[in-house]
C-alpha atoms as a PDB file:
ATOM      1  CA  UNK A   1      -0.004   0.199  -0.401  1.00  0.00           C
ATOM      2  CA  UNK A   2       0.980   3.568  -0.733  1.00  0.00           C
ATOM      3  CA  UNK A   3      -0.209   6.474  -0.026  1.00  0.00           C
ATOM      4  CA  UNK A   4       0.886   9.852  -1.596  1.00  0.00           C
ATOM      5  CA  UNK A   5      -0.435  13.882  -2.247  1.00  0.00           C
ATOM      6  CA  UNK A   6      -1.805  14.943  -5.341  1.00  0.00           C
ATOM      7  CA  UNK A   7      -3.525  17.869  -6.783  1.00  0.00           C
ATOM      8  CA  UNK A   8      -6.848  16.396  -5.945  1.00  0.00           C
ATOM      9  CA  UNK A   9      -6.114  14.751  -2.298  1.00  0.00           C
ATOM     10  CA  UNK A  10      -4.410  12.003  -0.862  1.00  0.00           C
ATOM     11  CA  UNK A  11      -4.492   9.195  -2.438  1.00  0.00           C
ATOM     12  CA  UNK A  12      -3.349   5.484  -1.950  1.00  0.00           C
ATOM     13  CA  UNK A  13      -2.835   2.209  -4.350  1.00  0.00           C
ATOM     14  CA  UNK A  14      -2.545  -0.805  -3.388  1.00  0.00           C
ATOM     15  CA  UNK A  15      -2.122  -3.889  -6.049  1.00  0.00           C
ATOM     16  CA  UNK A  16       0.047  -6.394  -6.614  1.00  0.00           C
ATOM     17  CA  UNK A  17       3.144  -7.537  -9.013  1.00  0.00           C
ATOM     18  CA  UNK A  18       1.851  -5.183 -12.251  1.00  0.00           C
ATOM     19  CA  UNK A  19      -2.008  -5.219 -10.937  1.00  0.00           C
ATOM     20  CA  UNK A  20      -3.645  -2.512  -9.951  1.00  0.00           C
ATOM     21  CA  UNK A  21      -6.501  -4.482  -7.184  1.00  0.00           C
ATOM     22  CA  UNK A  22      -7.428  -0.804  -5.122  1.00  0.00           C
ATOM     23  CA  UNK A  23      -7.409   2.756  -4.925  1.00  0.00           C
ATOM     24  CA  UNK A  24      -8.644   5.404  -2.610  1.00  0.00           C
ATOM     25  CA  UNK A  25      -8.474   9.139  -4.179  1.00  0.00           C
ATOM     26  CA  UNK A  26      -9.350  12.784  -2.921  1.00  0.00           C
ATOM     27  CA  UNK A  27      -8.810  12.879   0.941  1.00  0.00           C
ATOM     28  CA  UNK A  28      -7.395  15.644   2.733  1.00  0.00           C
ATOM     29  CA  UNK A  29      -4.658  13.819   4.592  1.00  0.00           C
ATOM     30  CA  UNK A  30      -2.853  11.045   4.400  1.00  0.00           C
ATOM     31  CA  UNK A  31      -3.766   9.179   8.090  1.00  0.00           C
ATOM     32  CA  UNK A  32      -7.802   9.633   5.668  1.00  0.00           C
ATOM     33  CA  UNK A  33      -6.454   8.205   2.869  1.00  0.00           C
ATOM     34  CA  UNK A  34      -4.932   4.990   4.441  1.00  0.00           C
ATOM     35  CA  UNK A  35      -7.945   4.437   6.649  1.00  0.00           C
ATOM     36  CA  UNK A  36      -9.934   4.723   3.170  1.00  0.00           C
ATOM     37  CA  UNK A  37      -7.702   1.773   1.725  1.00  0.00           C
ATOM     38  CA  UNK A  38      -6.960  -0.716   5.007  1.00  0.00           C
ATOM     39  CA  UNK A  39     -11.170  -0.498   5.205  1.00  0.00           C
ATOM     40  CA  UNK A  40     -11.786  -0.725   1.494  1.00  0.00           C
ATOM     41  CA  UNK A  41      -8.591  -3.935   0.740  1.00  0.00           C
ATOM     42  CA  UNK A  42      -9.830  -5.306   5.083  1.00  0.00           C
ATOM     43  CA  UNK A  43      -5.622  -4.494   5.708  1.00  0.00           C
ATOM     44  CA  UNK A  44      -3.827  -3.133   8.648  1.00  0.00           C
ATOM     45  CA  UNK A  45      -0.859  -2.963   5.850  1.00  0.00           C
ATOM     46  CA  UNK A  46       0.980   0.602   6.706  1.00  0.00           C
ATOM     47  CA  UNK A  47       2.199   2.567   3.818  1.00  0.00           C
ATOM     48  CA  UNK A  48       5.238   0.539   2.759  1.00  0.00           C
ATOM     49  CA  UNK A  49       6.196   1.058  -0.158  1.00  0.00           C
ATOM     50  CA  UNK A  50       5.684   3.053  -4.043  1.00  0.00           C
ATOM     51  CA  UNK A  51       4.858  -0.446  -4.955  1.00  0.00           C
ATOM     52  CA  UNK A  52       4.489   0.445  -8.965  1.00  0.00           C
ATOM     53  CA  UNK A  53       6.228   4.349  -9.389  1.00  0.00           C
ATOM     54  CA  UNK A  54       4.998   4.590 -12.711  1.00  0.00           C
ATOM     55  CA  UNK A  55       2.415   4.551 -11.694  1.00  0.00           C
ATOM     56  CA  UNK A  56       2.203   6.583  -8.533  1.00  0.00           C
ATOM     57  CA  UNK A  57       3.664   9.429 -11.408  1.00  0.00           C
ATOM     58  CA  UNK A  58       0.439   8.521 -13.924  1.00  0.00           C
ATOM     59  CA  UNK A  59      -1.763   9.407 -11.244  1.00  0.00           C
ATOM     60  CA  UNK A  60      -0.558  12.471 -10.066  1.00  0.00           C
ATOM     61  CA  UNK A  61      -0.031  13.424 -13.650  1.00  0.00           C
ATOM     62  CA  UNK A  62      -3.602  12.723 -14.359  1.00  0.00           C
ATOM     63  CA  UNK A  63      -4.796  15.087 -10.849  1.00  0.00           C
ATOM     64  CA  UNK A  64      -2.435  18.001 -12.017  1.00  0.00           C
ATOM     65  CA  UNK A  65      -4.301  18.031 -15.818  1.00  0.00           C
ATOM     66  CA  UNK A  66      -2.641  16.241 -18.000  1.00  0.00           C
ATOM     67  CA  UNK A  67      -3.188  14.030 -20.158  1.00  0.00           C
ATOM     68  CA  UNK A  68      -1.837  10.618 -18.951  1.00  0.00           C
ATOM     69  CA  UNK A  69      -3.285   6.938 -20.783  1.00  0.00           C
ATOM     70  CA  UNK A  70      -4.627   5.398 -17.532  1.00  0.00           C
ATOM     71  CA  UNK A  71      -6.083   2.287 -19.804  1.00  0.00           C
ATOM     72  CA  UNK A  72      -2.187   1.532 -19.974  1.00  0.00           C
ATOM     73  CA  UNK A  73      -2.138  -0.037 -16.748  1.00  0.00           C
ATOM     74  CA  UNK A  74      -4.128  -3.696 -15.501  1.00  0.00           C
ATOM     75  CA  UNK A  75      -6.391  -3.264 -12.857  1.00  0.00           C
ATOM     76  CA  UNK A  76      -7.626  -6.392 -10.694  1.00  0.00           C
ATOM     77  CA  UNK A  77     -10.830  -8.093 -12.742  1.00  0.00           C
ATOM     78  CA  UNK A  78     -14.015  -7.950 -11.906  1.00  0.00           C
ATOM     79  CA  UNK A  79     -15.102 -11.141 -10.598  1.00  0.00           C
ATOM     80  CA  UNK A  80     -18.659 -12.138 -12.872  1.00  0.00           C
ATOM     81  CA  UNK A  81     -18.489 -11.556 -16.386  1.00  0.00           C
ATOM     82  CA  UNK A  82     -21.132  -8.404 -17.030  1.00  0.00           C
ATOM     83  CA  UNK A  83     -18.738  -6.877 -14.759  1.00  0.00           C
ATOM     84  CA  UNK A  84     -15.440  -7.658 -16.594  1.00  0.00           C
ATOM     85  CA  UNK A  85     -17.774  -6.712 -19.992  1.00  0.00           C
ATOM     86  CA  UNK A  86     -19.007  -2.772 -18.637  1.00  0.00           C
ATOM     87  CA  UNK A  87     -15.037  -2.269 -17.127  1.00  0.00           C
ATOM     88  CA  UNK A  88     -13.765  -2.719 -20.299  1.00  0.00           C
ATOM     89  CA  UNK A  89     -15.926  -1.165 -22.118  1.00  0.00           C
ATOM     90  CA  UNK A  90     -15.699   1.186 -18.888  1.00  0.00           C
ATOM     91  CA  UNK A  91     -12.101   1.695 -19.888  1.00  0.00           C
ATOM     92  CA  UNK A  92     -12.570   2.528 -23.573  1.00  0.00           C
ATOM     93  CA  UNK A  93     -14.439   6.024 -22.504  1.00  0.00           C
ATOM     94  CA  UNK A  94     -11.809   8.896 -23.850  1.00  0.00           C
ATOM     95  CA  UNK A  95     -11.077  11.082 -21.190  1.00  0.00           C
ATOM     96  CA  UNK A  96     -12.966  14.449 -21.576  1.00  0.00           C
ATOM     97  CA  UNK A  97     -16.356  11.955 -22.556  1.00  0.00           C
ATOM     98  CA  UNK A  98     -19.278  10.389 -20.852  1.00  0.00           C
ATOM     99  CA  UNK A  99     -21.177   7.041 -20.563  1.00  0.00           C
ATOM    100  CA  UNK A 100     -24.425   6.910 -19.599  1.00  0.00           C
ATOM    101  CA  UNK A 101     -25.787   4.357 -16.851  1.00  0.00           C
ATOM    102  CA  UNK A 102     -27.729   2.819 -20.171  1.00  0.00           C
ATOM    103  CA  UNK A 103     -25.610   3.029 -22.879  1.00  0.00           C
ATOM    104  CA  UNK A 104     -23.255   1.663 -21.239  1.00  0.00           C
ATOM    105  CA  UNK A 105     -25.136  -1.120 -20.353  1.00  0.00           C
ATOM    106  CA  UNK A 106     -26.053  -1.603 -23.856  1.00  0.00           C
ATOM    107  CA  UNK A 107     -22.075  -1.079 -24.633  1.00  0.00           C
ATOM    108  CA  UNK A 108     -21.293  -4.098 -22.670  1.00  0.00           C
ATOM    109  CA  UNK A 109     -23.888  -6.461 -24.079  1.00  0.00           C
ATOM    110  CA  UNK A 110     -26.977  -6.126 -21.810  1.00  0.00           C
ATOM    111  CA  UNK A 111     -29.255  -3.121 -23.270  1.00  0.00           C
ATOM    112  CA  UNK A 112     -31.545  -3.220 -20.088  1.00  0.00           C
ATOM    113  CA  UNK A 113     -28.832  -3.691 -17.412  1.00  0.00           C
ATOM    114  CA  UNK A 114     -29.010   0.572 -16.349  1.00  0.00           C
ATOM    115  CA  UNK A 115     -29.190  -0.424 -12.244  1.00  0.00           C
ATOM    116  CA  UNK A 116     -26.354  -2.563 -12.688  1.00  0.00           C
ATOM    117  CA  UNK A 117     -24.567  -1.171 -14.053  1.00  0.00           C
ATOM    118  CA  UNK A 118     -24.503   1.218 -11.074  1.00  0.00           C
ATOM    119  CA  UNK A 119     -24.350  -1.731  -8.896  1.00  0.00           C
ATOM    120  CA  UNK A 120     -20.833  -2.438 -10.988  1.00  0.00           C
ATOM    121  CA  UNK A 121     -19.830   1.012 -10.497  1.00  0.00           C
ATOM    122  CA  UNK A 122     -20.319   1.464  -6.631  1.00  0.00           C
ATOM    123  CA  UNK A 123     -18.670  -2.102  -6.436  1.00  0.00           C
ATOM    124  CA  UNK A 124     -15.239   0.009  -8.358  1.00  0.00           C
ATOM    125  CA  UNK A 125     -12.229  -0.881  -6.301  1.00  0.00           C
ATOM    126  CA  UNK A 126      -9.475   0.935  -8.355  1.00  0.00           C
ATOM    127  CA  UNK A 127     -11.616   4.763  -9.427  1.00  0.00           C
ATOM    128  CA  UNK A 128      -9.689   6.689 -12.669  1.00  0.00           C
ATOM    129  CA  UNK A 129      -8.204   3.748 -13.595  1.00  0.00           C
ATOM    130  CA  UNK A 130     -11.274   2.634 -14.066  1.00  0.00           C
ATOM    131  CA  UNK A 131     -13.337   5.858 -14.721  1.00  0.00           C
ATOM    132  CA  UNK A 132     -16.434   5.877 -12.956  1.00  0.00           C
ATOM    133  CA  UNK A 133     -16.800   9.323 -12.749  1.00  0.00           C
ATOM    134  CA  UNK A 134     -17.265   9.489 -17.235  1.00  0.00           C
ATOM    135  CA  UNK A 135     -20.929   7.374 -15.942  1.00  0.00           C
ATOM    136  CA  UNK A 136     -23.845   9.957 -15.964  1.00  0.00           C
ATOM    137  CA  UNK A 137     -27.402   9.692 -15.926  1.00  0.00           C
ATOM    138  CA  UNK A 138     -30.539   9.796 -17.985  1.00  0.00           C
ATOM    139  CA  UNK A 139     -29.376  13.719 -20.065  1.00  0.00           C
ATOM    140  CA  UNK A 140     -26.994  14.167 -18.446  1.00  0.00           C
ATOM    141  CA  UNK A 141     -27.415  13.793 -15.240  1.00  0.00           C
ATOM    142  CA  UNK A 142     -24.156  13.029 -12.684  1.00  0.00           C
ATOM    143  CA  UNK A 143     -25.672  11.287  -9.727  1.00  0.00           C
ATOM    144  CA  UNK A 144     -23.375  10.001  -6.948  1.00  0.00           C
ATOM    145  CA  UNK A 145     -19.585   9.659  -6.595  1.00  0.00           C
ATOM    146  CA  UNK A 146     -17.912   7.681  -3.057  1.00  0.00           C
ATOM    147  CA  UNK A 147     -15.395   9.474  -3.005  1.00  0.00           C
ATOM    148  CA  UNK A 148     -14.606  11.733   0.317  1.00  0.00           C
ATOM    149  CA  UNK A 149     -16.553  14.753  -1.339  1.00  0.00           C
ATOM    150  CA  UNK A 150     -18.644  13.263  -3.527  1.00  0.00           C
ATOM    151  CA  UNK A 151     -20.205  14.804  -6.294  1.00  0.00           C
ATOM    152  CA  UNK A 152     -17.904  18.036  -5.780  1.00  0.00           C
ATOM    153  CA  UNK A 153     -14.915  16.268  -6.566  1.00  0.00           C
ATOM    154  CA  UNK A 154     -17.267  14.498  -9.994  1.00  0.00           C
ATOM    155  CA  UNK A 155     -17.634  17.211 -11.260  1.00  0.00           C
ATOM    156  CA  UNK A 156     -13.489  19.108 -10.954  1.00  0.00           C
ATOM    157  CA  UNK A 157     -12.427  15.018 -12.494  1.00  0.00           C
ATOM    158  CA  UNK A 158     -15.081  16.249 -15.243  1.00  0.00           C
ATOM    159  CA  UNK A 159     -13.403  18.819 -15.764  1.00  0.00           C
ATOM    160  CA  UNK A 160     -10.055  18.563 -15.248  1.00  0.00           C
ATOM    161  CA  UNK A 161     -10.916  15.868 -18.097  1.00  0.00           C
ATOM    162  CA  UNK A 162     -12.639  18.211 -20.768  1.00  0.00           C
ATOM    163  CA  UNK A 163     -10.536  18.734 -23.965  1.00  0.00           C
ATOM    164  CA  UNK A 164     -10.629  22.568 -24.953  1.00  0.00           C
ATOM    165  CA  UNK A 165     -13.751  23.801 -26.061  1.00  0.00           C
ATOM    166  CA  UNK A 166     -15.516  20.306 -24.434  1.00  0.00           C
ATOM    167  CA  UNK A 167     -18.028  22.381 -22.427  1.00  0.00           C
ATOM    168  CA  UNK A 168     -18.578  20.153 -18.815  1.00  0.00           C
ATOM    169  CA  UNK A 169     -21.953  18.633 -17.932  1.00  0.00           C
ATOM    170  CA  UNK A 170     -24.349  21.089 -16.050  1.00  0.00           C
ATOM    171  CA  UNK A 171     -24.973  19.782 -12.566  1.00  0.00           C
END
Protein backbone atom coordinates (compact mmCIF):
# COMPACT_ATOMS: atom_id res chain seq x y z
CA UNK A 1 0.00 0.00 0.00
CA UNK A 2 1.29 3.43 -0.89
CA UNK A 3 -0.10 6.87 0.01
CA UNK A 4 0.78 10.10 -1.80
CA UNK A 5 -0.36 13.70 -2.24
CA UNK A 6 -1.89 14.98 -5.49
CA UNK A 7 -3.64 18.11 -6.69
CA UNK A 8 -6.92 16.27 -6.00
CA UNK A 9 -6.05 15.33 -2.42
CA UNK A 10 -4.36 12.30 -0.96
CA UNK A 11 -4.49 8.98 -2.80
CA UNK A 12 -3.68 5.48 -1.58
CA UNK A 13 -3.05 2.58 -3.95
CA UNK A 14 -2.48 -1.10 -3.42
CA UNK A 15 -1.70 -3.93 -5.78
CA UNK A 16 0.25 -7.02 -6.52
CA UNK A 17 2.76 -7.61 -9.27
CA UNK A 18 1.66 -5.28 -12.08
CA UNK A 19 -2.05 -5.12 -11.13
CA UNK A 20 -3.75 -2.40 -9.12
CA UNK A 21 -6.27 -3.95 -6.74
CA UNK A 22 -7.43 -0.88 -4.79
CA UNK A 23 -7.24 2.89 -5.20
CA UNK A 24 -8.80 5.49 -2.95
CA UNK A 25 -8.78 9.15 -3.96
CA UNK A 26 -9.48 12.70 -2.82
CA UNK A 27 -8.71 12.50 0.90
CA UNK A 28 -7.88 15.51 3.08
CA UNK A 29 -4.72 13.92 4.48
CA UNK A 30 -2.59 10.79 4.48
CA UNK A 31 -4.24 9.36 7.59
CA UNK A 32 -7.68 9.50 5.95
CA UNK A 33 -6.38 7.95 2.71
CA UNK A 34 -4.67 5.11 4.58
CA UNK A 35 -7.74 4.50 6.78
CA UNK A 36 -9.98 4.33 3.71
CA UNK A 37 -7.56 1.91 2.05
CA UNK A 38 -7.41 -0.31 5.12
CA UNK A 39 -11.22 -0.47 5.11
CA UNK A 40 -11.51 -1.04 1.35
CA UNK A 41 -8.75 -3.64 1.18
CA UNK A 42 -9.51 -5.28 4.52
CA UNK A 43 -5.91 -4.89 5.69
CA UNK A 44 -3.88 -3.27 8.43
CA UNK A 45 -0.87 -2.59 6.18
CA UNK A 46 0.97 0.66 6.63
CA UNK A 47 2.27 2.98 3.91
CA UNK A 48 5.15 0.66 3.08
CA UNK A 49 6.50 1.43 -0.36
CA UNK A 50 5.65 2.68 -3.79
CA UNK A 51 5.15 -0.75 -5.38
CA UNK A 52 4.54 0.77 -8.81
CA UNK A 53 6.28 4.16 -9.24
CA UNK A 54 5.05 4.58 -12.83
CA UNK A 55 1.44 4.34 -11.60
CA UNK A 56 2.02 6.82 -8.77
CA UNK A 57 3.61 9.21 -11.27
CA UNK A 58 0.76 8.79 -13.78
CA UNK A 59 -1.93 9.36 -11.12
CA UNK A 60 -0.12 12.44 -9.82
CA UNK A 61 0.16 13.85 -13.33
CA UNK A 62 -3.50 12.98 -14.05
CA UNK A 63 -4.58 14.84 -10.90
CA UNK A 64 -2.58 17.85 -12.09
CA UNK A 65 -4.57 17.89 -15.34
CA UNK A 66 -2.13 16.19 -17.69
CA UNK A 67 -3.65 13.90 -20.32
CA UNK A 68 -2.32 10.58 -19.02
CA UNK A 69 -3.29 7.16 -20.42
CA UNK A 70 -4.45 5.33 -17.30
CA UNK A 71 -5.88 2.49 -19.40
CA UNK A 72 -2.30 1.27 -19.81
CA UNK A 73 -2.27 0.12 -16.17
CA UNK A 74 -3.71 -3.27 -15.27
CA UNK A 75 -6.53 -3.48 -12.73
CA UNK A 76 -7.94 -6.45 -10.86
CA UNK A 77 -10.81 -7.92 -12.85
CA UNK A 78 -14.30 -8.00 -11.36
CA UNK A 79 -15.72 -11.39 -10.49
CA UNK A 80 -18.61 -11.63 -12.97
CA UNK A 81 -18.57 -11.72 -16.78
CA UNK A 82 -21.04 -8.81 -16.92
CA UNK A 83 -18.89 -6.66 -14.63
CA UNK A 84 -15.77 -7.50 -16.67
CA UNK A 85 -17.55 -6.38 -19.87
CA UNK A 86 -18.74 -3.16 -18.21
CA UNK A 87 -15.24 -2.35 -16.94
CA UNK A 88 -13.67 -3.11 -20.33
CA UNK A 89 -16.15 -0.86 -22.11
CA UNK A 90 -15.82 1.93 -19.56
CA UNK A 91 -12.02 1.92 -19.83
CA UNK A 92 -12.51 2.66 -23.55
CA UNK A 93 -14.49 5.86 -22.89
CA UNK A 94 -12.06 8.65 -23.80
CA UNK A 95 -10.93 11.39 -21.46
CA UNK A 96 -13.32 14.35 -21.64
CA UNK A 97 -16.32 12.21 -22.58
CA UNK A 98 -19.12 10.68 -20.56
CA UNK A 99 -21.42 7.72 -21.03
CA UNK A 100 -24.83 7.04 -19.48
CA UNK A 101 -25.53 3.97 -17.39
CA UNK A 102 -27.94 2.75 -20.10
CA UNK A 103 -25.45 3.31 -22.92
CA UNK A 104 -22.70 1.54 -21.00
CA UNK A 105 -25.03 -1.39 -20.34
CA UNK A 106 -25.81 -1.60 -24.06
CA UNK A 107 -22.11 -1.45 -24.97
CA UNK A 108 -21.52 -4.30 -22.51
CA UNK A 109 -24.16 -6.42 -24.26
CA UNK A 110 -27.01 -5.93 -21.76
CA UNK A 111 -29.21 -3.09 -23.05
CA UNK A 112 -31.59 -3.37 -20.09
CA UNK A 113 -28.84 -3.48 -17.48
CA UNK A 114 -28.47 0.18 -16.50
CA UNK A 115 -29.16 -0.56 -12.81
CA UNK A 116 -26.67 -3.41 -12.87
CA UNK A 117 -24.08 -1.01 -14.29
CA UNK A 118 -24.75 1.19 -11.25
CA UNK A 119 -23.91 -1.78 -9.05
CA UNK A 120 -20.65 -2.33 -10.89
CA UNK A 121 -19.77 1.35 -10.46
CA UNK A 122 -20.56 1.26 -6.72
CA UNK A 123 -18.22 -1.72 -6.29
CA UNK A 124 -15.38 -0.18 -8.34
CA UNK A 125 -12.21 -0.62 -6.28
CA UNK A 126 -9.97 1.34 -8.65
CA UNK A 127 -11.55 4.72 -9.53
CA UNK A 128 -9.73 6.75 -12.19
CA UNK A 129 -8.17 3.53 -13.52
CA UNK A 130 -11.74 2.36 -14.09
CA UNK A 131 -13.13 5.86 -14.71
CA UNK A 132 -16.53 5.58 -13.01
CA UNK A 133 -16.66 9.40 -12.81
CA UNK A 134 -17.37 9.34 -16.57
CA UNK A 135 -20.67 7.50 -16.05
CA UNK A 136 -23.70 9.76 -15.78
CA UNK A 137 -27.43 9.35 -15.46
CA UNK A 138 -30.07 9.96 -18.10
CA UNK A 139 -29.93 13.45 -19.52
CA UNK A 140 -26.41 14.03 -18.19
CA UNK A 141 -27.44 13.95 -14.51
CA UNK A 142 -24.28 13.47 -12.48
CA UNK A 143 -25.69 11.17 -9.81
CA UNK A 144 -23.50 10.07 -6.94
CA UNK A 145 -19.80 9.47 -6.39
CA UNK A 146 -18.34 7.61 -3.42
CA UNK A 147 -15.11 9.61 -2.98
CA UNK A 148 -14.79 11.68 0.23
CA UNK A 149 -16.15 14.90 -1.28
CA UNK A 150 -18.69 13.04 -3.40
CA UNK A 151 -20.25 14.80 -6.35
CA UNK A 152 -17.91 17.80 -5.97
CA UNK A 153 -14.92 15.60 -6.79
CA UNK A 154 -16.81 14.06 -9.72
CA UNK A 155 -17.43 17.57 -11.09
CA UNK A 156 -13.75 18.43 -10.64
CA UNK A 157 -12.67 15.27 -12.44
CA UNK A 158 -14.99 15.91 -15.38
CA UNK A 159 -13.85 19.53 -15.61
CA UNK A 160 -10.21 18.46 -15.33
CA UNK A 161 -10.62 16.01 -18.20
CA UNK A 162 -12.59 18.33 -20.44
CA UNK A 163 -10.77 18.84 -23.71
CA UNK A 164 -10.28 22.40 -24.98
CA UNK A 165 -13.60 23.59 -26.35
CA UNK A 166 -15.49 20.81 -24.54
CA UNK A 167 -18.28 22.03 -22.29
CA UNK A 168 -18.53 19.96 -19.08
CA UNK A 169 -21.96 18.63 -18.15
CA UNK A 170 -24.18 20.87 -16.06
CA UNK A 171 -24.84 19.77 -12.49
